[in-house]
Amino acid sequence: MGKALLGTHATPGSLRLLDEVRALRARVAELERALADAEAAREARTDHVADEAGVVRLTEREPART
């Protein structure tokens, strides 16, 4: 009855797991931001490439690597 009134009781193991999940989600968000920045930098470098004659041409994008 007490559990129903007060909610579930968190054990130290479950609290540690929640902290780890929270940290992993933050790390994934950080890595996603870094990937977006790297893709934007690559996009800026490779959109227009001048060849030896000085002609600017669009380059093909590389397929995503998995």
PDB file of N, CA and C in Angstrom:
ATOM      1  N   MET A   1       0.831  -1.192   0.000  1.00  0.00           N
ATOM      2  CA  MET A   1       0.000   0.000   0.000  1.00  0.00           C
ATOM      3  C   MET A   1       0.875   1.255   0.000  1.00  0.00           C
ATOM      4  N   GLY A   2       1.935   1.247   0.797  1.00  0.00           N
ATOM      5  CA  GLY A   2       2.831   2.400   0.849  1.00  0.00           C
ATOM      6  C   GLY A   2       3.466   2.674  -0.500  1.00  0.00           C
ATOM      7  N   LYS A   3       3.799   1.604  -1.210  1.00  0.00           N
ATOM      8  CA  LYS A   3       4.408   1.765  -2.530  1.00  0.00           C
ATOM      9  C   LYS A   3       3.419   2.423  -3.487  1.00  0.00           C
ATOM     10  N   ALA A   4       2.173   2.060  -3.387  1.00  0.00           N
ATOM     11  CA  ALA A   4       1.145   2.640  -4.244  1.00  0.00           C
ATOM     12  C   ALA A   4       0.935   4.117  -3.914  1.00  0.00           C
ATOM     13  N   LEU A   5       1.063   4.489  -2.668  1.00  0.00           N
ATOM     14  CA  LEU A   5       0.850   5.881  -2.277  1.00  0.00           C
ATOM     15  C   LEU A   5       2.064   6.763  -2.571  1.00  0.00           C
ATOM     16  N   LEU A   6       3.245   6.222  -2.376  1.00  0.00           N
ATOM     17  CA  LEU A   6       4.459   7.019  -2.517  1.00  0.00           C
ATOM     18  C   LEU A   6       5.161   6.841  -3.862  1.00  0.00           C
ATOM     19  N   GLY A   7       4.733   5.916  -4.641  1.00  0.00           N
ATOM     20  CA  GLY A   7       5.397   5.645  -5.908  1.00  0.00           C
ATOM     21  C   GLY A   7       6.441   4.554  -5.743  1.00  0.00           C
ATOM     22  N   THR A   8       7.098   4.219  -6.815  1.00  0.00           N
ATOM     23  CA  THR A   8       8.094   3.154  -6.737  1.00  0.00           C
ATOM     24  C   THR A   8       9.330   3.645  -5.994  1.00  0.00           C
ATOM     25  N   HIS A   9       9.973   2.748  -5.320  1.00  0.00           N
ATOM     26  CA  HIS A   9      11.187   3.081  -4.573  1.00  0.00           C
ATOM     27  C   HIS A   9      12.384   2.794  -5.461  1.00  0.00           C
ATOM     28  N   ALA A  10      13.204   3.789  -5.638  1.00  0.00           N
ATOM     29  CA  ALA A  10      14.395   3.625  -6.471  1.00  0.00           C
ATOM     30  C   ALA A  10      15.486   2.953  -5.650  1.00  0.00           C
ATOM     31  N   THR A  11      16.081   1.952  -6.238  1.00  0.00           N
ATOM     32  CA  THR A  11      17.203   1.277  -5.589  1.00  0.00           C
ATOM     33  C   THR A  11      18.496   1.939  -6.050  1.00  0.00           C
ATOM     34  N   PRO A  12      19.564   1.776  -5.311  1.00  0.00           N
ATOM     35  CA  PRO A  12      20.841   2.373  -5.738  1.00  0.00           C
ATOM     36  C   PRO A  12      21.271   1.905  -7.131  1.00  0.00           C
ATOM     37  N   GLY A  13      20.994   0.657  -7.452  1.00  0.00           N
ATOM     38  CA  GLY A  13      21.344   0.150  -8.769  1.00  0.00           C
ATOM     39  C   GLY A  13      20.573   0.846  -9.876  1.00  0.00           C
ATOM     40  N   SER A  14      19.285   1.081  -9.655  1.00  0.00           N
ATOM     41  CA  SER A  14      18.488   1.733 -10.690  1.00  0.00           C
ATOM     42  C   SER A  14      18.862   3.206 -10.820  1.00  0.00           C
ATOM     43  N   LEU A  15      19.228   3.852  -9.711  1.00  0.00           N
ATOM     44  CA  LEU A  15      19.670   5.244  -9.778  1.00  0.00           C
ATOM     45  C   LEU A  15      20.982   5.354 -10.533  1.00  0.00           C
ATOM     46  N   ARG A  16      21.871   4.418 -10.316  1.00  0.00           N
ATOM     47  CA  ARG A  16      23.152   4.408 -11.028  1.00  0.00           C
ATOM     48  C   ARG A  16      22.910   4.200 -12.523  1.00  0.00           C
ATOM     49  N   LEU A  17      21.984   3.325 -12.862  1.00  0.00           N
ATOM     50  CA  LEU A  17      21.638   3.069 -14.261  1.00  0.00           C
ATOM     51  C   LEU A  17      21.039   4.325 -14.908  1.00  0.00           C
ATOM     52  N   LEU A  18      20.169   5.022 -14.192  1.00  0.00           N
ATOM     53  CA  LEU A  18      19.592   6.258 -14.718  1.00  0.00           C
ATOM     54  C   LEU A  18      20.667   7.314 -14.949  1.00  0.00           C
ATOM     55  N   ASP A  19      21.630   7.421 -14.038  1.00  0.00           N
ATOM     56  CA  ASP A  19      22.731   8.366 -14.222  1.00  0.00           C
ATOM     57  C   ASP A  19      23.558   8.010 -15.449  1.00  0.00           C
ATOM     58  N   GLU A  20      23.801   6.724 -15.653  1.00  0.00           N
ATOM     59  CA  GLU A  20      24.573   6.288 -16.810  1.00  0.00           C
ATOM     60  C   GLU A  20      23.826   6.572 -18.106  1.00  0.00           C
ATOM     61  N   VAL A  21      22.528   6.326 -18.128  1.00  0.00           N
ATOM     62  CA  VAL A  21      21.718   6.600 -19.322  1.00  0.00           C
ATOM     63  C   VAL A  21      21.730   8.094 -19.616  1.00  0.00           C
ATOM     64  N   ARG A  22      21.595   8.909 -18.594  1.00  0.00           N
ATOM     65  CA  ARG A  22      21.622  10.356 -18.764  1.00  0.00           C
ATOM     66  C   ARG A  22      22.962  10.811 -19.344  1.00  0.00           C
ATOM     67  N   ALA A  23      24.052  10.272 -18.833  1.00  0.00           N
ATOM     68  CA  ALA A  23      25.381  10.624 -19.331  1.00  0.00           C
ATOM     69  C   ALA A  23      25.568  10.165 -20.774  1.00  0.00           C
ATOM     70  N   LEU A  24      25.077   8.970 -21.098  1.00  0.00           N
ATOM     71  CA  LEU A  24      25.206   8.473 -22.471  1.00  0.00           C
ATOM     72  C   LEU A  24      24.392   9.309 -23.449  1.00  0.00           C
ATOM     73  N   ARG A  25      23.207   9.731 -23.028  1.00  0.00           N
ATOM     74  CA  ARG A  25      22.391  10.588 -23.902  1.00  0.00           C
ATOM     75  C   ARG A  25      23.082  11.927 -24.144  1.00  0.00           C
ATOM     76  N   ALA A  26      23.713  12.474 -23.119  1.00  0.00           N
ATOM     77  CA  ALA A  26      24.453  13.726 -23.282  1.00  0.00           C
ATOM     78  C   ALA A  26      25.627  13.531 -24.231  1.00  0.00           C
ATOM     79  N   ARG A  27      26.313  12.399 -24.117  1.00  0.00           N
ATOM     80  CA  ARG A  27      27.453  12.117 -24.992  1.00  0.00           C
ATOM     81  C   ARG A  27      26.995  11.951 -26.448  1.00  0.00           C
ATOM     82  N   VAL A  28      25.872  11.274 -26.656  1.00  0.00           N
ATOM     83  CA  VAL A  28      25.332  11.100 -28.005  1.00  0.00           C
ATOM     84  C   VAL A  28      24.975  12.462 -28.595  1.00  0.00           C
ATOM     85  N   ALA A  29      24.359  13.335 -27.815  1.00  0.00           N
ATOM     86  CA  ALA A  29      24.006  14.672 -28.298  1.00  0.00           C
ATOM     87  C   ALA A  29      25.262  15.453 -28.665  1.00  0.00           C
ATOM     88  N   GLU A  30      26.308  15.332 -27.847  1.00  0.00           N
ATOM     89  CA  GLU A  30      27.578  16.008 -28.132  1.00  0.00           C
ATOM     90  C   GLU A  30      28.187  15.488 -29.435  1.00  0.00           C
ATOM     91  N   LEU A  31      28.162  14.177 -29.630  1.00  0.00           N
ATOM     92  CA  LEU A  31      28.714  13.591 -30.842  1.00  0.00           C
ATOM     93  C   LEU A  31      27.898  13.973 -32.077  1.00  0.00           C
ATOM     94  N   GLU A  32      26.579  14.064 -31.924  1.00  0.00           N
ATOM     95  CA  GLU A  32      25.738  14.485 -33.043  1.00  0.00           C
ATOM     96  C   GLU A  32      26.039  15.920 -33.451  1.00  0.00           C
ATOM     97  N   ARG A  33      26.273  16.801 -32.456  1.00  0.00           N
ATOM     98  CA  ARG A  33      26.651  18.187 -32.770  1.00  0.00           C
ATOM     99  C   ARG A  33      27.999  18.234 -33.481  1.00  0.00           C
ATOM    100  N   ALA A  34      28.966  17.442 -33.003  1.00  0.00           N
ATOM    101  CA  ALA A  34      30.283  17.407 -33.637  1.00  0.00           C
ATOM    102  C   ALA A  34      30.186  16.882 -35.065  1.00  0.00           C
ATOM    103  N   LEU A  35      29.360  15.888 -35.288  1.00  0.00           N
ATOM    104  CA  LEU A  35      29.169  15.352 -36.634  1.00  0.00           C
ATOM    105  C   LEU A  35      28.549  16.403 -37.552  1.00  0.00           C
ATOM    106  N   ALA A  36      27.556  17.119 -37.062  1.00  0.00           N
ATOM    107  CA  ALA A  36      26.923  18.167 -37.866  1.00  0.00           C
ATOM    108  C   ALA A  36      27.938  19.251 -38.221  1.00  0.00           C
ATOM    109  N   ASP A  37      28.798  19.628 -37.271  1.00  0.00           N
ATOM    110  CA  ASP A  37      29.827  20.628 -37.538  1.00  0.00           C
ATOM    111  C   ASP A  37      30.822  20.123 -38.574  1.00  0.00           C
ATOM    112  N   ALA A  38      31.235  18.864 -38.453  1.00  0.00           N
ATOM    113  CA  ALA A  38      32.189  18.288 -39.404  1.00  0.00           C
ATOM    114  C   ALA A  38      31.579  18.183 -40.798  1.00  0.00           C
ATOM    115  N   GLU A  39      30.314  17.810 -40.874  1.00  0.00           N
ATOM    116  CA  GLU A  39      29.649  17.727 -42.172  1.00  0.00           C
ATOM    117  C   GLU A  39      29.518  19.107 -42.803  1.00  0.00           C
ATOM    118  N   ALA A  40      29.223  20.121 -42.000  1.00  0.00           N
ATOM    119  CA  ALA A  40      29.109  21.481 -42.527  1.00  0.00           C
ATOM    120  C   ALA A  40      30.462  21.969 -43.037  1.00  0.00           C
ATOM    121  N   ALA A  41      31.531  21.667 -42.309  1.00  0.00           N
ATOM    122  CA  ALA A  41      32.869  22.067 -42.741  1.00  0.00           C
ATOM    123  C   ALA A  41      33.247  21.355 -44.037  1.00  0.00           C
ATOM    124  N   ARG A  42      32.944  20.072 -44.116  1.00  0.00           N
ATOM    125  CA  ARG A  42      33.235  19.309 -45.330  1.00  0.00           C
ATOM    126  C   ARG A  42      32.426  19.842 -46.504  1.00  0.00           C
ATOM    127  N   GLU A  43      31.177  20.167 -46.234  1.00  0.00           N
ATOM    128  CA  GLU A  43      30.287  20.702 -47.261  1.00  0.00           C
ATOM    129  C   GLU A  43      30.850  22.021 -47.796  1.00  0.00           C
ATOM    130  N   ALA A  44      31.345  22.871 -46.915  1.00  0.00           N
ATOM    131  CA  ALA A  44      31.903  24.161 -47.322  1.00  0.00           C
ATOM    132  C   ALA A  44      33.162  23.974 -48.158  1.00  0.00           C
ATOM    133  N   ARG A  45      33.960  22.957 -47.833  1.00  0.00           N
ATOM    134  CA  ARG A  45      35.203  22.714 -48.569  1.00  0.00           C
ATOM    135  C   ARG A  45      34.958  22.091 -49.930  1.00  0.00           C
ATOM    136  N   THR A  46      33.976  21.220 -50.058  1.00  0.00           N
ATOM    137  CA  THR A  46      33.853  20.410 -51.271  1.00  0.00           C
ATOM    138  C   THR A  46      32.723  20.814 -52.207  1.00  0.00           C
ATOM    139  N   ASP A  47      31.944  21.830 -51.863  1.00  0.00           N
ATOM    140  CA  ASP A  47      30.865  22.227 -52.769  1.00  0.00           C
ATOM    141  C   ASP A  47      31.402  22.773 -54.086  1.00  0.00           C
ATOM    142  N   HIS A  48      32.394  23.627 -54.001  1.00  0.00           N
ATOM    143  CA  HIS A  48      32.976  24.220 -55.205  1.00  0.00           C
ATOM    144  C   HIS A  48      34.474  23.936 -55.193  1.00  0.00           C
ATOM    145  N   VAL A  49      34.914  23.273 -56.231  1.00  0.00           N
ATOM    146  CA  VAL A  49      36.327  22.957 -56.354  1.00  0.00           C
ATOM    147  C   VAL A  49      36.800  23.477 -57.706  1.00  0.00           C
ATOM    148  N   ALA A  50      37.875  24.243 -57.693  1.00  0.00           N
ATOM    149  CA  ALA A  50      38.414  24.760 -58.956  1.00  0.00           C
ATOM    150  C   ALA A  50      39.432  23.762 -59.497  1.00  0.00           C
ATOM    151  N   ASP A  51      39.312  23.450 -60.774  1.00  0.00           N
ATOM    152  CA  ASP A  51      40.289  22.555 -61.386  1.00  0.00           C
ATOM    153  C   ASP A  51      41.496  23.373 -61.876  1.00  0.00           C
ATOM    154  N   GLU A  52      42.403  22.738 -62.591  1.00  0.00           N
ATOM    155  CA  GLU A  52      43.632  23.396 -63.023  1.00  0.00           C
ATOM    156  C   GLU A  52      43.359  24.605 -63.909  1.00  0.00           C
ATOM    157  N   ALA A  53      42.301  24.582 -64.710  1.00  0.00           N
ATOM    158  CA  ALA A  53      41.985  25.686 -65.612  1.00  0.00           C
ATOM    159  C   ALA A  53      41.246  26.809 -64.896  1.00  0.00           C
ATOM    160  N   GLY A  54      40.937  26.627 -63.631  1.00  0.00           N
ATOM    161  CA  GLY A  54      40.223  27.649 -62.876  1.00  0.00           C
ATOM    162  C   GLY A  54      38.723  27.552 -62.986  1.00  0.00           C
ATOM    163  N   VAL A  55      38.230  26.478 -63.591  1.00  0.00           N
ATOM    164  CA  VAL A  55      36.793  26.296 -63.736  1.00  0.00           C
ATOM    165  C   VAL A  55      36.241  25.727 -62.433  1.00  0.00           C
ATOM    166  N   VAL A  56      35.220  26.369 -61.943  1.00  0.00           N
ATOM    167  CA  VAL A  56      34.590  25.905 -60.701  1.00  0.00           C
ATOM    168  C   VAL A  56      33.505  24.910 -61.072  1.00  0.00           C
ATOM    169  N   ARG A  57      33.527  23.771 -60.438  1.00  0.00           N
ATOM    170  CA  ARG A  57      32.526  22.746 -60.709  1.00  0.00           C
ATOM    171  C   ARG A  57      32.020  22.182 -59.384  1.00  0.00           C
ATOM    172  N   LEU A  58      30.823  21.664 -59.421  1.00  0.00           N
ATOM    173  CA  LEU A  58      30.266  21.020 -58.234  1.00  0.00           C
ATOM    174  C   LEU A  58      30.815  19.608 -58.139  1.00  0.00           C
ATOM    175  N   THR A  59      31.111  19.193 -56.943  1.00  0.00           N
ATOM    176  CA  THR A  59      31.603  17.835 -56.751  1.00  0.00           C
ATOM    177  C   THR A  59      30.471  16.953 -56.279  1.00  0.00           C
ATOM    178  N   GLU A  60      30.619  15.679 -56.521  1.00  0.00           N
ATOM    179  CA  GLU A  60      29.619  14.728 -56.046  1.00  0.00           C
ATOM    180  C   GLU A  60      29.876  14.447 -54.575  1.00  0.00           C
ATOM    181  N   ARG A  61      28.803  14.266 -53.856  1.00  0.00           N
ATOM    182  CA  ARG A  61      28.933  13.934 -52.441  1.00  0.00           C
ATOM    183  C   ARG A  61      29.247  12.468 -52.296  1.00  0.00           C
ATOM    184  N   GLU A  62      30.035  12.163 -51.308  1.00  0.00           N
ATOM    185  CA  GLU A  62      30.349  10.765 -51.013  1.00  0.00           C
ATOM    186  C   GLU A  62      29.142  10.126 -50.334  1.00  0.00           C
ATOM    187  N   PRO A  63      28.931   8.828 -50.575  1.00  0.00           N
ATOM    188  CA  PRO A  63      27.838   8.174 -49.846  1.00  0.00           C
ATOM    189  C   PRO A  63      28.185   8.068 -48.365  1.00  0.00           C
ATOM    190  N   ALA A  64      27.161   8.033 -47.561  1.00  0.00           N
ATOM    191  CA  ALA A  64      27.363   7.922 -46.118  1.00  0.00           C
ATOM    192  C   ALA A  64      27.964   6.568 -45.779  1.00  0.00           C
ATOM    193  N   ARG A  65      28.882   6.599 -44.851  1.00  0.00           N
ATOM    194  CA  ARG A  65      29.497   5.347 -44.404  1.00  0.00           C
ATOM    195  C   ARG A  65      28.782   4.870 -43.142  1.00  0.00           C
ATOM    196  N   THR A  66      28.539   3.593 -43.100  1.00  0.00           N
ATOM    197  CA  THR A  66      27.862   3.060 -41.926  1.00  0.00           C
ATOM    198  C   THR A  66      28.753   2.134 -41.168  1.00  0.00           C
TER     199      THR A  66
END
